[in-house]
Amino acid sequence: MRITLPSGTPAELVEHPSPTMGLVIAPDIFGLRPLFDDLAARLSRQWGMSVCAVEPFPGRDLGADVEARFAAVPELRDEDNLRDLLEAADRLGTPTVGLMGFCMGGMYCFKAAKVERFARIASFYGMITLPEAWRGPGHDEPLRIMLTGFPEQVLAIIGGRDHYTPIADVDQLRSTGARVVVYPDAEHGFAHDASRPAHRADDAADAFGHTREWLMSALR
């Protein structure tokens, strides 16, 4: 169901009757939409978690034009995004909470590693270095923020052919202590949206399997 966080940001909440843990989802650049409603419901059902997916562009009607969305990213602020992710974690009401994000949301997963609130973090093809076109006064570099916090909390799912995550950036990410899993033949966005040309069903299933294990390891 749609809820409004204390900040005023919309979110999709799926409450499990007896959750093992909570999971916050940071969507891709296209934001909260039926794709993420369905993903939240599926992960709640299959993984036994309460799930909350958070809108990354609250109060903005940007439509489906990716160029308009790219142009809006420099206006976002890291502190606002982290606030919303933390409010979603609190709304879940579970002692243990994980975080998962995709594309731009994956980048924000790296930045969220500055706090201990998320016991495990899974970033799917998040930008390791802030793209030049996304730079703005409210943004800091993902790696720099990670290094101020808890990079060992992070699992990074990477496509070997993803131009957003070049090998030099991946090597730097590994050096932080984050766990990195690379799918050599995968491009950007290969896992979470079956309608994309880049989707790879077997790699996606494997990546989600790794992610479930990583999140659940927080309970051991």
N, C-alpha and C. Protein backbone atom coordinates (compact mmCIF):
# COMPACT_ATOMS: atom_id res chain seq x y z
N MET A 1 0.84 -1.18 0.00
CA MET A 1 0.00 0.00 0.00
C MET A 1 0.88 1.24 0.00
N ARG A 2 0.37 2.32 -0.60
CA ARG A 2 1.09 3.59 -0.61
C ARG A 2 0.97 4.25 0.76
N ILE A 3 2.10 4.74 1.25
CA ILE A 3 2.13 5.50 2.49
C ILE A 3 2.91 6.78 2.24
N THR A 4 2.86 7.68 3.20
CA THR A 4 3.66 8.90 3.17
C THR A 4 4.58 8.90 4.39
N LEU A 5 5.87 9.01 4.14
CA LEU A 5 6.82 9.06 5.24
C LEU A 5 6.71 10.39 5.97
N PRO A 6 7.24 10.51 7.18
CA PRO A 6 7.16 11.79 7.90
C PRO A 6 7.69 12.99 7.12
N SER A 7 8.65 12.74 6.23
CA SER A 7 9.21 13.82 5.40
C SER A 7 8.25 14.30 4.33
N GLY A 8 7.18 13.53 4.08
CA GLY A 8 6.26 13.82 2.99
C GLY A 8 6.53 13.02 1.74
N THR A 9 7.55 12.18 1.76
CA THR A 9 7.93 11.37 0.60
C THR A 9 7.04 10.13 0.48
N PRO A 10 6.52 9.84 -0.71
CA PRO A 10 5.72 8.63 -0.90
C PRO A 10 6.58 7.37 -0.84
N ALA A 11 5.97 6.29 -0.41
CA ALA A 11 6.64 5.00 -0.35
C ALA A 11 5.60 3.90 -0.52
N GLU A 12 6.07 2.74 -0.96
CA GLU A 12 5.22 1.55 -1.05
C GLU A 12 5.59 0.62 0.10
N LEU A 13 4.61 0.27 0.92
CA LEU A 13 4.85 -0.57 2.09
C LEU A 13 4.13 -1.90 1.94
N VAL A 14 4.88 -2.99 2.15
CA VAL A 14 4.30 -4.33 2.19
C VAL A 14 4.71 -4.94 3.53
N GLU A 15 3.73 -5.13 4.41
CA GLU A 15 4.01 -5.65 5.74
C GLU A 15 3.79 -7.16 5.77
N HIS A 16 4.79 -7.88 6.19
CA HIS A 16 4.69 -9.34 6.35
C HIS A 16 4.12 -9.64 7.73
N PRO A 17 3.27 -10.66 7.86
CA PRO A 17 2.67 -10.93 9.17
C PRO A 17 3.67 -11.35 10.24
N SER A 18 4.76 -11.99 9.84
CA SER A 18 5.80 -12.38 10.80
C SER A 18 7.17 -12.24 10.14
N PRO A 19 7.63 -11.02 9.96
CA PRO A 19 8.86 -10.79 9.19
C PRO A 19 10.11 -11.27 9.91
N THR A 20 11.02 -11.86 9.13
CA THR A 20 12.34 -12.19 9.68
C THR A 20 13.18 -10.94 9.85
N MET A 21 12.97 -9.95 8.97
CA MET A 21 13.67 -8.67 9.02
C MET A 21 12.94 -7.69 8.11
N GLY A 22 13.39 -6.47 8.07
CA GLY A 22 12.84 -5.48 7.17
C GLY A 22 13.79 -5.20 6.02
N LEU A 23 13.23 -4.73 4.91
CA LEU A 23 14.03 -4.40 3.73
C LEU A 23 13.53 -3.09 3.13
N VAL A 24 14.42 -2.12 2.98
CA VAL A 24 14.13 -0.87 2.28
C VAL A 24 14.68 -0.98 0.86
N ILE A 25 13.91 -0.51 -0.11
CA ILE A 25 14.32 -0.53 -1.51
C ILE A 25 14.46 0.90 -2.02
N ALA A 26 15.62 1.18 -2.64
CA ALA A 26 15.86 2.46 -3.31
C ALA A 26 15.73 2.22 -4.81
N PRO A 27 14.66 2.69 -5.45
CA PRO A 27 14.42 2.40 -6.86
C PRO A 27 15.44 3.04 -7.80
N ASP A 28 15.34 2.66 -9.06
CA ASP A 28 16.18 3.24 -10.11
C ASP A 28 15.69 4.65 -10.44
N ILE A 29 16.27 5.25 -11.46
CA ILE A 29 16.00 6.65 -11.78
C ILE A 29 14.55 6.90 -12.19
N PHE A 30 13.84 5.86 -12.60
CA PHE A 30 12.44 6.04 -12.98
C PHE A 30 11.51 6.03 -11.78
N GLY A 31 12.03 5.77 -10.59
CA GLY A 31 11.28 5.98 -9.37
C GLY A 31 10.26 4.90 -9.04
N LEU A 32 9.42 5.24 -8.08
CA LEU A 32 8.40 4.33 -7.57
C LEU A 32 7.30 4.16 -8.62
N ARG A 33 7.04 2.90 -8.98
CA ARG A 33 6.07 2.59 -10.04
C ARG A 33 5.65 1.14 -9.87
N PRO A 34 4.70 0.64 -10.69
CA PRO A 34 4.24 -0.73 -10.50
C PRO A 34 5.35 -1.78 -10.47
N LEU A 35 6.43 -1.58 -11.22
CA LEU A 35 7.56 -2.52 -11.18
C LEU A 35 8.05 -2.72 -9.75
N PHE A 36 8.17 -1.63 -9.01
CA PHE A 36 8.69 -1.73 -7.64
C PHE A 36 7.60 -2.12 -6.64
N ASP A 37 6.35 -1.78 -6.94
CA ASP A 37 5.27 -2.32 -6.12
C ASP A 37 5.28 -3.84 -6.17
N ASP A 38 5.42 -4.37 -7.40
CA ASP A 38 5.43 -5.83 -7.58
C ASP A 38 6.66 -6.45 -6.95
N LEU A 39 7.82 -5.79 -7.09
CA LEU A 39 9.04 -6.33 -6.51
C LEU A 39 8.94 -6.38 -4.99
N ALA A 40 8.42 -5.32 -4.39
CA ALA A 40 8.26 -5.30 -2.93
C ALA A 40 7.35 -6.42 -2.46
N ALA A 41 6.24 -6.62 -3.18
CA ALA A 41 5.30 -7.69 -2.79
C ALA A 41 5.94 -9.07 -2.96
N ARG A 42 6.67 -9.24 -4.05
CA ARG A 42 7.28 -10.56 -4.31
C ARG A 42 8.36 -10.88 -3.28
N LEU A 43 9.23 -9.91 -3.00
CA LEU A 43 10.29 -10.17 -2.03
C LEU A 43 9.73 -10.38 -0.64
N SER A 44 8.68 -9.66 -0.28
CA SER A 44 8.06 -9.88 1.02
C SER A 44 7.54 -11.30 1.13
N ARG A 45 6.88 -11.75 0.06
CA ARG A 45 6.29 -13.10 0.06
C ARG A 45 7.36 -14.18 0.04
N GLN A 46 8.35 -14.03 -0.82
CA GLN A 46 9.34 -15.09 -1.01
C GLN A 46 10.43 -15.10 0.06
N TRP A 47 10.76 -13.93 0.56
CA TRP A 47 11.87 -13.83 1.51
C TRP A 47 11.40 -13.66 2.96
N GLY A 48 10.10 -13.51 3.16
CA GLY A 48 9.58 -13.40 4.52
C GLY A 48 9.95 -12.11 5.21
N MET A 49 9.96 -11.00 4.47
CA MET A 49 10.37 -9.71 5.00
C MET A 49 9.25 -8.69 4.82
N SER A 50 9.22 -7.70 5.71
CA SER A 50 8.44 -6.50 5.45
C SER A 50 9.30 -5.57 4.60
N VAL A 51 8.68 -4.94 3.60
CA VAL A 51 9.45 -4.22 2.58
C VAL A 51 8.86 -2.83 2.38
N CYS A 52 9.74 -1.84 2.21
CA CYS A 52 9.30 -0.47 1.92
C CYS A 52 10.17 0.11 0.82
N ALA A 53 9.56 0.47 -0.31
CA ALA A 53 10.25 1.09 -1.44
C ALA A 53 9.97 2.58 -1.45
N VAL A 54 11.00 3.39 -1.64
CA VAL A 54 10.93 4.83 -1.42
C VAL A 54 11.08 5.61 -2.73
N GLU A 55 10.22 6.59 -2.95
CA GLU A 55 10.29 7.45 -4.14
C GLU A 55 11.53 8.37 -4.08
N PRO A 56 12.39 8.35 -5.10
CA PRO A 56 13.59 9.19 -5.05
C PRO A 56 13.38 10.64 -5.49
N PHE A 57 12.26 10.95 -6.16
CA PHE A 57 11.98 12.31 -6.63
C PHE A 57 10.66 12.81 -6.04
N PRO A 58 10.57 12.93 -4.72
CA PRO A 58 9.29 13.33 -4.12
C PRO A 58 8.89 14.73 -4.56
N GLY A 59 7.59 14.88 -4.84
CA GLY A 59 7.05 16.18 -5.19
C GLY A 59 7.33 16.62 -6.61
N ARG A 60 7.91 15.74 -7.44
CA ARG A 60 8.23 16.09 -8.82
C ARG A 60 7.49 15.16 -9.76
N ASP A 61 6.88 15.73 -10.79
CA ASP A 61 6.21 14.95 -11.83
C ASP A 61 7.09 14.97 -13.07
N LEU A 62 7.96 13.97 -13.18
CA LEU A 62 8.97 13.96 -14.24
C LEU A 62 8.60 13.06 -15.41
N GLY A 63 7.54 12.30 -15.28
CA GLY A 63 7.14 11.42 -16.37
C GLY A 63 8.15 10.32 -16.65
N ALA A 64 8.07 9.78 -17.86
CA ALA A 64 8.92 8.63 -18.22
C ALA A 64 10.13 9.03 -19.04
N ASP A 65 10.35 10.33 -19.23
CA ASP A 65 11.48 10.80 -20.04
C ASP A 65 12.76 10.72 -19.22
N VAL A 66 13.67 9.84 -19.61
CA VAL A 66 14.89 9.66 -18.84
C VAL A 66 15.75 10.91 -18.84
N GLU A 67 15.72 11.70 -19.94
CA GLU A 67 16.53 12.91 -19.99
C GLU A 67 16.07 13.92 -18.94
N ALA A 68 14.76 14.04 -18.76
CA ALA A 68 14.24 14.95 -17.73
C ALA A 68 14.67 14.48 -16.35
N ARG A 69 14.69 13.19 -16.14
CA ARG A 69 15.09 12.65 -14.86
C ARG A 69 16.59 12.83 -14.62
N PHE A 70 17.40 12.59 -15.65
CA PHE A 70 18.83 12.83 -15.52
C PHE A 70 19.09 14.30 -15.17
N ALA A 71 18.35 15.21 -15.82
CA ALA A 71 18.54 16.62 -15.58
C ALA A 71 18.15 17.03 -14.16
N ALA A 72 17.25 16.27 -13.54
CA ALA A 72 16.79 16.60 -12.19
C ALA A 72 17.71 16.07 -11.10
N VAL A 73 18.57 15.11 -11.42
CA VAL A 73 19.40 14.50 -10.38
C VAL A 73 20.31 15.50 -9.67
N PRO A 74 20.95 16.45 -10.37
CA PRO A 74 21.81 17.40 -9.64
C PRO A 74 21.09 18.22 -8.58
N GLU A 75 19.76 18.29 -8.67
CA GLU A 75 18.99 19.05 -7.69
C GLU A 75 18.70 18.24 -6.42
N LEU A 76 18.95 16.94 -6.47
CA LEU A 76 18.71 16.11 -5.29
C LEU A 76 19.80 16.34 -4.25
N ARG A 77 19.50 15.93 -3.02
CA ARG A 77 20.48 16.08 -1.94
C ARG A 77 20.65 14.75 -1.23
N ASP A 78 21.91 14.38 -1.01
CA ASP A 78 22.20 13.12 -0.31
C ASP A 78 21.49 13.05 1.03
N GLU A 79 21.49 14.15 1.75
CA GLU A 79 20.93 14.12 3.11
C GLU A 79 19.43 13.86 3.09
N ASP A 80 18.74 14.37 2.05
CA ASP A 80 17.30 14.11 1.94
C ASP A 80 17.04 12.64 1.62
N ASN A 81 17.83 12.09 0.71
CA ASN A 81 17.65 10.69 0.34
C ASN A 81 17.89 9.78 1.53
N LEU A 82 18.98 10.02 2.25
CA LEU A 82 19.29 9.19 3.42
C LEU A 82 18.20 9.33 4.48
N ARG A 83 17.71 10.55 4.69
CA ARG A 83 16.61 10.74 5.64
C ARG A 83 15.42 9.87 5.29
N ASP A 84 15.04 9.84 4.00
CA ASP A 84 13.88 9.05 3.59
C ASP A 84 14.12 7.56 3.76
N LEU A 85 15.32 7.10 3.43
CA LEU A 85 15.63 5.68 3.60
C LEU A 85 15.57 5.29 5.08
N LEU A 86 16.05 6.17 5.95
CA LEU A 86 16.02 5.88 7.38
C LEU A 86 14.58 5.93 7.92
N GLU A 87 13.78 6.85 7.42
CA GLU A 87 12.38 6.90 7.85
C GLU A 87 11.64 5.64 7.40
N ALA A 88 11.97 5.15 6.20
CA ALA A 88 11.35 3.90 5.74
C ALA A 88 11.77 2.73 6.64
N ALA A 89 13.04 2.70 7.04
CA ALA A 89 13.51 1.65 7.94
C ALA A 89 12.76 1.69 9.26
N ASP A 90 12.55 2.88 9.79
CA ASP A 90 11.82 3.01 11.05
C ASP A 90 10.37 2.56 10.89
N ARG A 91 9.78 2.86 9.74
CA ARG A 91 8.37 2.50 9.51
C ARG A 91 8.17 0.99 9.48
N LEU A 92 9.18 0.25 9.09
CA LEU A 92 9.06 -1.20 9.01
C LEU A 92 8.93 -1.83 10.39
N GLY A 93 9.53 -1.22 11.40
CA GLY A 93 9.34 -1.68 12.77
C GLY A 93 10.00 -3.00 13.09
N THR A 94 11.01 -3.40 12.34
CA THR A 94 11.72 -4.65 12.61
C THR A 94 13.07 -4.35 13.24
N PRO A 95 13.56 -5.23 14.14
CA PRO A 95 14.85 -4.97 14.77
C PRO A 95 16.02 -4.90 13.77
N THR A 96 15.94 -5.71 12.72
CA THR A 96 17.00 -5.76 11.72
C THR A 96 16.44 -5.28 10.39
N VAL A 97 17.18 -4.38 9.73
CA VAL A 97 16.74 -3.84 8.45
C VAL A 97 17.89 -3.87 7.46
N GLY A 98 17.60 -4.33 6.24
CA GLY A 98 18.55 -4.27 5.14
C GLY A 98 18.13 -3.23 4.12
N LEU A 99 19.02 -2.94 3.19
CA LEU A 99 18.76 -1.95 2.14
C LEU A 99 19.20 -2.54 0.80
N MET A 100 18.37 -2.34 -0.21
CA MET A 100 18.67 -2.78 -1.57
C MET A 100 18.34 -1.64 -2.52
N GLY A 101 19.20 -1.43 -3.54
CA GLY A 101 18.92 -0.37 -4.50
C GLY A 101 19.43 -0.72 -5.89
N PHE A 102 18.87 -0.04 -6.88
CA PHE A 102 19.14 -0.33 -8.28
C PHE A 102 19.54 0.94 -9.02
N CYS A 103 20.61 0.87 -9.80
CA CYS A 103 21.04 2.00 -10.63
C CYS A 103 21.30 3.21 -9.72
N MET A 104 20.58 4.32 -9.89
CA MET A 104 20.74 5.47 -9.01
C MET A 104 20.50 5.07 -7.56
N GLY A 105 19.50 4.21 -7.33
CA GLY A 105 19.26 3.71 -5.98
C GLY A 105 20.41 2.89 -5.46
N GLY A 106 21.11 2.19 -6.35
CA GLY A 106 22.30 1.45 -5.95
C GLY A 106 23.42 2.39 -5.53
N MET A 107 23.53 3.52 -6.22
CA MET A 107 24.50 4.54 -5.81
C MET A 107 24.18 5.05 -4.41
N TYR A 108 22.90 5.30 -4.15
CA TYR A 108 22.52 5.76 -2.82
C TYR A 108 22.73 4.68 -1.76
N CYS A 109 22.72 3.43 -2.17
CA CYS A 109 23.07 2.36 -1.22
C CYS A 109 24.50 2.51 -0.74
N PHE A 110 25.43 2.80 -1.66
CA PHE A 110 26.82 3.03 -1.26
C PHE A 110 26.90 4.18 -0.25
N LYS A 111 26.16 5.24 -0.52
CA LYS A 111 26.19 6.40 0.37
C LYS A 111 25.57 6.10 1.73
N ALA A 112 24.57 5.21 1.75
CA ALA A 112 23.91 4.86 3.00
C ALA A 112 24.80 4.03 3.92
N ALA A 113 25.91 3.54 3.39
CA ALA A 113 26.83 2.77 4.24
C ALA A 113 27.55 3.65 5.25
N LYS A 114 27.28 4.94 5.24
CA LYS A 114 27.88 5.83 6.24
C LYS A 114 27.25 5.63 7.61
N VAL A 115 26.07 4.98 7.66
CA VAL A 115 25.39 4.77 8.94
C VAL A 115 25.28 3.28 9.24
N GLU A 116 25.10 2.95 10.51
CA GLU A 116 24.99 1.54 10.93
C GLU A 116 23.57 1.01 10.86
N ARG A 117 22.61 1.85 10.54
CA ARG A 117 21.20 1.45 10.61
C ARG A 117 20.90 0.23 9.76
N PHE A 118 21.54 0.14 8.60
CA PHE A 118 21.27 -0.97 7.69
C PHE A 118 22.29 -2.08 7.93
N ALA A 119 21.78 -3.21 8.45
CA ALA A 119 22.68 -4.31 8.82
C ALA A 119 23.39 -4.89 7.61
N ARG A 120 22.71 -4.92 6.48
CA ARG A 120 23.29 -5.37 5.21
C ARG A 120 22.75 -4.47 4.10
N ILE A 121 23.60 -4.21 3.11
CA ILE A 121 23.24 -3.36 1.98
C ILE A 121 23.59 -4.09 0.70
N ALA A 122 22.68 -4.08 -0.26
CA ALA A 122 22.92 -4.70 -1.57
C ALA A 122 22.69 -3.65 -2.66
N SER A 123 23.77 -3.32 -3.37
CA SER A 123 23.70 -2.33 -4.45
C SER A 123 23.76 -3.05 -5.78
N PHE A 124 22.70 -2.93 -6.57
CA PHE A 124 22.69 -3.48 -7.92
C PHE A 124 23.12 -2.40 -8.91
N TYR A 125 24.26 -2.60 -9.52
CA TYR A 125 24.85 -1.72 -10.54
C TYR A 125 24.73 -0.23 -10.18
N GLY A 126 25.03 0.07 -8.91
CA GLY A 126 25.07 1.46 -8.49
C GLY A 126 26.32 2.15 -8.99
N MET A 127 26.20 3.44 -9.26
CA MET A 127 27.35 4.22 -9.72
C MET A 127 28.36 4.35 -8.58
N ILE A 128 29.57 3.92 -8.84
CA ILE A 128 30.62 3.95 -7.83
C ILE A 128 31.25 5.34 -7.77
N THR A 129 31.32 5.97 -8.93
CA THR A 129 31.76 7.36 -9.06
C THR A 129 30.58 8.17 -9.58
N LEU A 130 30.33 9.33 -8.99
CA LEU A 130 29.21 10.17 -9.38
C LEU A 130 29.37 10.60 -10.84
N PRO A 131 28.40 10.30 -11.71
CA PRO A 131 28.49 10.75 -13.09
C PRO A 131 28.61 12.28 -13.18
N GLU A 132 29.40 12.75 -14.13
CA GLU A 132 29.64 14.18 -14.25
C GLU A 132 28.34 14.97 -14.38
N ALA A 133 27.40 14.44 -15.17
CA ALA A 133 26.14 15.15 -15.40
C ALA A 133 25.26 15.21 -14.16
N TRP A 134 25.57 14.41 -13.14
CA TRP A 134 24.76 14.38 -11.93
C TRP A 134 25.33 15.24 -10.81
N ARG A 135 26.45 15.86 -11.04
CA ARG A 135 27.08 16.61 -9.96
C ARG A 135 26.26 17.83 -9.59
N GLY A 136 26.14 18.06 -8.29
CA GLY A 136 25.39 19.20 -7.78
C GLY A 136 25.81 19.46 -6.35
N PRO A 137 25.41 20.58 -5.77
CA PRO A 137 25.88 20.94 -4.43
C PRO A 137 25.42 19.99 -3.33
N GLY A 138 24.37 19.21 -3.60
CA GLY A 138 23.88 18.30 -2.58
C GLY A 138 24.44 16.90 -2.66
N HIS A 139 25.39 16.68 -3.59
CA HIS A 139 25.94 15.35 -3.79
C HIS A 139 27.39 15.26 -3.35
N ASP A 140 27.75 14.10 -2.81
CA ASP A 140 29.15 13.78 -2.54
C ASP A 140 29.46 12.46 -3.26
N GLU A 141 30.74 12.13 -3.35
CA GLU A 141 31.17 10.92 -4.04
C GLU A 141 30.80 9.67 -3.23
N PRO A 142 30.21 8.66 -3.88
CA PRO A 142 29.82 7.45 -3.15
C PRO A 142 30.96 6.80 -2.38
N LEU A 143 32.12 6.63 -3.02
CA LEU A 143 33.23 5.95 -2.34
C LEU A 143 33.71 6.75 -1.13
N ARG A 144 33.76 8.06 -1.27
CA ARG A 144 34.23 8.88 -0.14
C ARG A 144 33.28 8.74 1.04
N ILE A 145 32.00 8.72 0.78
CA ILE A 145 31.04 8.56 1.87
C ILE A 145 31.16 7.17 2.49
N MET A 146 31.28 6.14 1.65
CA MET A 146 31.42 4.77 2.17
C MET A 146 32.58 4.66 3.15
N LEU A 147 33.69 5.28 2.80
CA LEU A 147 34.90 5.15 3.61
C LEU A 147 34.78 5.84 4.96
N THR A 148 33.77 6.68 5.14
CA THR A 148 33.54 7.29 6.45
C THR A 148 32.67 6.40 7.33
N GLY A 149 32.19 5.30 6.78
CA GLY A 149 31.23 4.48 7.51
C GLY A 149 31.58 3.01 7.57
N PHE A 150 30.72 2.18 6.96
CA PHE A 150 30.79 0.74 7.16
C PHE A 150 30.71 0.00 5.82
N PRO A 151 31.75 0.11 4.99
CA PRO A 151 31.71 -0.54 3.67
C PRO A 151 31.59 -2.05 3.73
N GLU A 152 32.00 -2.65 4.85
CA GLU A 152 31.89 -4.10 4.98
C GLU A 152 30.44 -4.56 5.03
N GLN A 153 29.49 -3.65 5.17
CA GLN A 153 28.06 -3.98 5.14
C GLN A 153 27.56 -4.21 3.71
N VAL A 154 28.38 -3.85 2.71
CA VAL A 154 27.89 -3.71 1.34
C VAL A 154 28.22 -4.92 0.47
N LEU A 155 27.21 -5.38 -0.28
CA LEU A 155 27.37 -6.30 -1.40
C LEU A 155 27.07 -5.51 -2.67
N ALA A 156 27.99 -5.53 -3.62
CA ALA A 156 27.80 -4.83 -4.89
C ALA A 156 27.63 -5.85 -6.01
N ILE A 157 26.50 -5.77 -6.70
CA ILE A 157 26.23 -6.59 -7.87
C ILE A 157 26.58 -5.75 -9.10
N ILE A 158 27.52 -6.25 -9.90
CA ILE A 158 28.09 -5.46 -10.99
C ILE A 158 27.99 -6.22 -12.31
N GLY A 159 27.66 -5.51 -13.38
CA GLY A 159 27.72 -6.07 -14.72
C GLY A 159 29.07 -5.79 -15.35
N GLY A 160 29.71 -6.82 -15.88
CA GLY A 160 31.04 -6.66 -16.44
C GLY A 160 31.08 -5.74 -17.65
N ARG A 161 29.94 -5.53 -18.31
CA ARG A 161 29.87 -4.66 -19.49
C ARG A 161 29.10 -3.37 -19.20
N ASP A 162 29.02 -3.00 -17.95
CA ASP A 162 28.29 -1.81 -17.54
C ASP A 162 29.22 -0.60 -17.61
N HIS A 163 28.94 0.35 -18.50
CA HIS A 163 29.81 1.51 -18.65
C HIS A 163 29.75 2.43 -17.44
N TYR A 164 28.73 2.29 -16.60
CA TYR A 164 28.66 3.10 -15.38
C TYR A 164 29.60 2.60 -14.28
N THR A 165 30.10 1.38 -14.42
CA THR A 165 30.97 0.81 -13.39
C THR A 165 32.23 0.25 -14.04
N PRO A 166 33.12 1.12 -14.54
CA PRO A 166 34.36 0.65 -15.16
C PRO A 166 35.24 -0.10 -14.17
N ILE A 167 36.13 -0.90 -14.71
CA ILE A 167 36.93 -1.80 -13.89
C ILE A 167 37.76 -1.05 -12.85
N ALA A 168 38.25 0.16 -13.19
CA ALA A 168 39.04 0.93 -12.22
C ALA A 168 38.18 1.29 -11.00
N ASP A 169 36.92 1.64 -11.24
CA ASP A 169 36.02 1.95 -10.13
C ASP A 169 35.71 0.71 -9.31
N VAL A 170 35.52 -0.42 -9.98
CA VAL A 170 35.23 -1.67 -9.28
C VAL A 170 36.41 -2.06 -8.39
N ASP A 171 37.63 -1.88 -8.89
CA ASP A 171 38.81 -2.18 -8.08
C ASP A 171 38.86 -1.29 -6.83
N GLN A 172 38.52 -0.02 -6.99
CA GLN A 172 38.49 0.87 -5.83
C GLN A 172 37.41 0.43 -4.84
N LEU A 173 36.28 0.01 -5.37
CA LEU A 173 35.20 -0.46 -4.50
C LEU A 173 35.66 -1.68 -3.70
N ARG A 174 36.29 -2.61 -4.34
CA ARG A 174 36.81 -3.79 -3.63
C ARG A 174 37.76 -3.38 -2.51
N SER A 175 38.58 -2.37 -2.77
CA SER A 175 39.59 -1.97 -1.79
C SER A 175 38.98 -1.42 -0.50
N THR A 176 37.69 -1.06 -0.52
CA THR A 176 37.04 -0.55 0.69
C THR A 176 36.68 -1.66 1.66
N GLY A 177 36.68 -2.91 1.19
CA GLY A 177 36.22 -4.03 2.00
C GLY A 177 34.82 -4.47 1.65
N ALA A 178 34.18 -3.79 0.69
CA ALA A 178 32.87 -4.23 0.23
C ALA A 178 33.01 -5.57 -0.51
N ARG A 179 31.95 -6.36 -0.47
CA ARG A 179 31.91 -7.61 -1.23
C ARG A 179 31.38 -7.30 -2.63
N VAL A 180 32.08 -7.78 -3.67
CA VAL A 180 31.73 -7.48 -5.05
C VAL A 180 31.51 -8.78 -5.82
N VAL A 181 30.36 -8.86 -6.52
CA VAL A 181 30.08 -10.00 -7.40
C VAL A 181 29.87 -9.45 -8.81
N VAL A 182 30.70 -9.90 -9.76
CA VAL A 182 30.65 -9.40 -11.13
C VAL A 182 30.08 -10.47 -12.06
N TYR A 183 29.14 -10.05 -12.90
CA TYR A 183 28.58 -10.92 -13.94
C TYR A 183 29.19 -10.46 -15.28
N PRO A 184 30.18 -11.20 -15.79
CA PRO A 184 31.04 -10.70 -16.87
C PRO A 184 30.31 -10.24 -18.12
N ASP A 185 29.25 -10.92 -18.51
CA ASP A 185 28.57 -10.60 -19.77
C ASP A 185 27.38 -9.67 -19.59
N ALA A 186 27.14 -9.20 -18.39
CA ALA A 186 25.95 -8.39 -18.10
C ALA A 186 26.20 -6.91 -18.31
N GLU A 187 25.16 -6.23 -18.80
CA GLU A 187 25.19 -4.79 -18.96
C GLU A 187 24.43 -4.14 -17.81
N HIS A 188 24.34 -2.82 -17.85
CA HIS A 188 23.64 -2.08 -16.80
C HIS A 188 22.16 -2.48 -16.76
N GLY A 189 21.63 -2.65 -15.56
CA GLY A 189 20.21 -2.93 -15.39
C GLY A 189 19.78 -4.32 -15.79
N PHE A 190 20.66 -5.31 -15.61
CA PHE A 190 20.38 -6.66 -16.13
C PHE A 190 19.48 -7.49 -15.25
N ALA A 191 19.17 -7.03 -14.02
CA ALA A 191 18.53 -7.95 -13.07
C ALA A 191 17.10 -7.63 -12.69
N HIS A 192 16.72 -6.37 -12.54
CA HIS A 192 15.47 -6.07 -11.84
C HIS A 192 14.27 -5.82 -12.73
N ASP A 193 14.47 -5.70 -14.03
CA ASP A 193 13.35 -5.38 -14.92
C ASP A 193 13.41 -6.29 -16.14
N ALA A 194 12.54 -7.28 -16.16
CA ALA A 194 12.56 -8.29 -17.24
C ALA A 194 12.20 -7.71 -18.60
N SER A 195 11.64 -6.50 -18.65
CA SER A 195 11.26 -5.90 -19.92
C SER A 195 12.44 -5.21 -20.61
N ARG A 196 13.54 -5.04 -19.92
CA ARG A 196 14.69 -4.35 -20.52
C ARG A 196 15.45 -5.28 -21.45
N PRO A 197 15.97 -4.75 -22.56
CA PRO A 197 16.78 -5.58 -23.46
C PRO A 197 18.00 -6.18 -22.78
N ALA A 198 18.53 -5.49 -21.76
CA ALA A 198 19.73 -5.96 -21.07
C ALA A 198 19.44 -7.09 -20.08
N HIS A 199 18.17 -7.42 -19.86
CA HIS A 199 17.83 -8.40 -18.82
C HIS A 199 18.44 -9.77 -19.14
N ARG A 200 19.01 -10.39 -18.10
CA ARG A 200 19.61 -11.73 -18.21
C ARG A 200 19.00 -12.58 -17.10
N ALA A 201 18.09 -13.44 -17.45
CA ALA A 201 17.28 -14.15 -16.45
C ALA A 201 18.13 -14.99 -15.50
N ASP A 202 19.09 -15.74 -16.04
CA ASP A 202 19.90 -16.59 -15.17
C ASP A 202 20.78 -15.77 -14.25
N ASP A 203 21.42 -14.74 -14.78
CA ASP A 203 22.25 -13.88 -13.95
C ASP A 203 21.40 -13.16 -12.90
N ALA A 204 20.21 -12.73 -13.30
CA ALA A 204 19.32 -12.04 -12.36
C ALA A 204 18.95 -12.96 -11.20
N ALA A 205 18.58 -14.20 -11.52
CA ALA A 205 18.21 -15.15 -10.46
C ALA A 205 19.38 -15.39 -9.53
N ASP A 206 20.57 -15.52 -10.09
CA ASP A 206 21.76 -15.74 -9.27
C ASP A 206 22.05 -14.52 -8.39
N ALA A 207 21.92 -13.33 -8.96
CA ALA A 207 22.19 -12.10 -8.21
C ALA A 207 21.21 -11.93 -7.06
N PHE A 208 19.93 -12.20 -7.31
CA PHE A 208 18.95 -12.10 -6.22
C PHE A 208 19.20 -13.18 -5.17
N GLY A 209 19.66 -14.35 -5.60
CA GLY A 209 20.01 -15.38 -4.63
C GLY A 209 21.16 -14.96 -3.73
N HIS A 210 22.21 -14.40 -4.33
CA HIS A 210 23.32 -13.86 -3.54
C HIS A 210 22.83 -12.80 -2.56
N THR A 211 21.94 -11.95 -3.05
CA THR A 211 21.45 -10.85 -2.23
C THR A 211 20.65 -11.35 -1.04
N ARG A 212 19.78 -12.32 -1.27
CA ARG A 212 19.01 -12.87 -0.16
C ARG A 212 19.93 -13.45 0.90
N GLU A 213 20.93 -14.22 0.47
CA GLU A 213 21.88 -14.80 1.43
C GLU A 213 22.61 -13.71 2.21
N TRP A 214 23.01 -12.65 1.50
CA TRP A 214 23.73 -11.56 2.15
C TRP A 214 22.84 -10.87 3.17
N LEU A 215 21.63 -10.56 2.81
CA LEU A 215 20.73 -9.90 3.76
C LEU A 215 20.45 -10.78 4.97
N MET A 216 20.15 -12.04 4.71
CA MET A 216 19.80 -12.96 5.81
C MET A 216 20.99 -13.24 6.71
N SER A 217 22.21 -13.05 6.22
CA SER A 217 23.39 -13.28 7.07
C SER A 217 23.44 -12.33 8.24
N ALA A 218 22.70 -11.24 8.18
CA ALA A 218 22.64 -10.30 9.31
C ALA A 218 21.96 -10.92 10.52
N LEU A 219 21.22 -11.98 10.32
CA LEU A 219 20.47 -12.60 11.41
C LEU A 219 21.26 -13.70 12.11
N ARG A 220 22.42 -14.03 11.57
CA ARG A 220 23.19 -15.13 12.15
C ARG A 220 24.09 -14.66 13.29
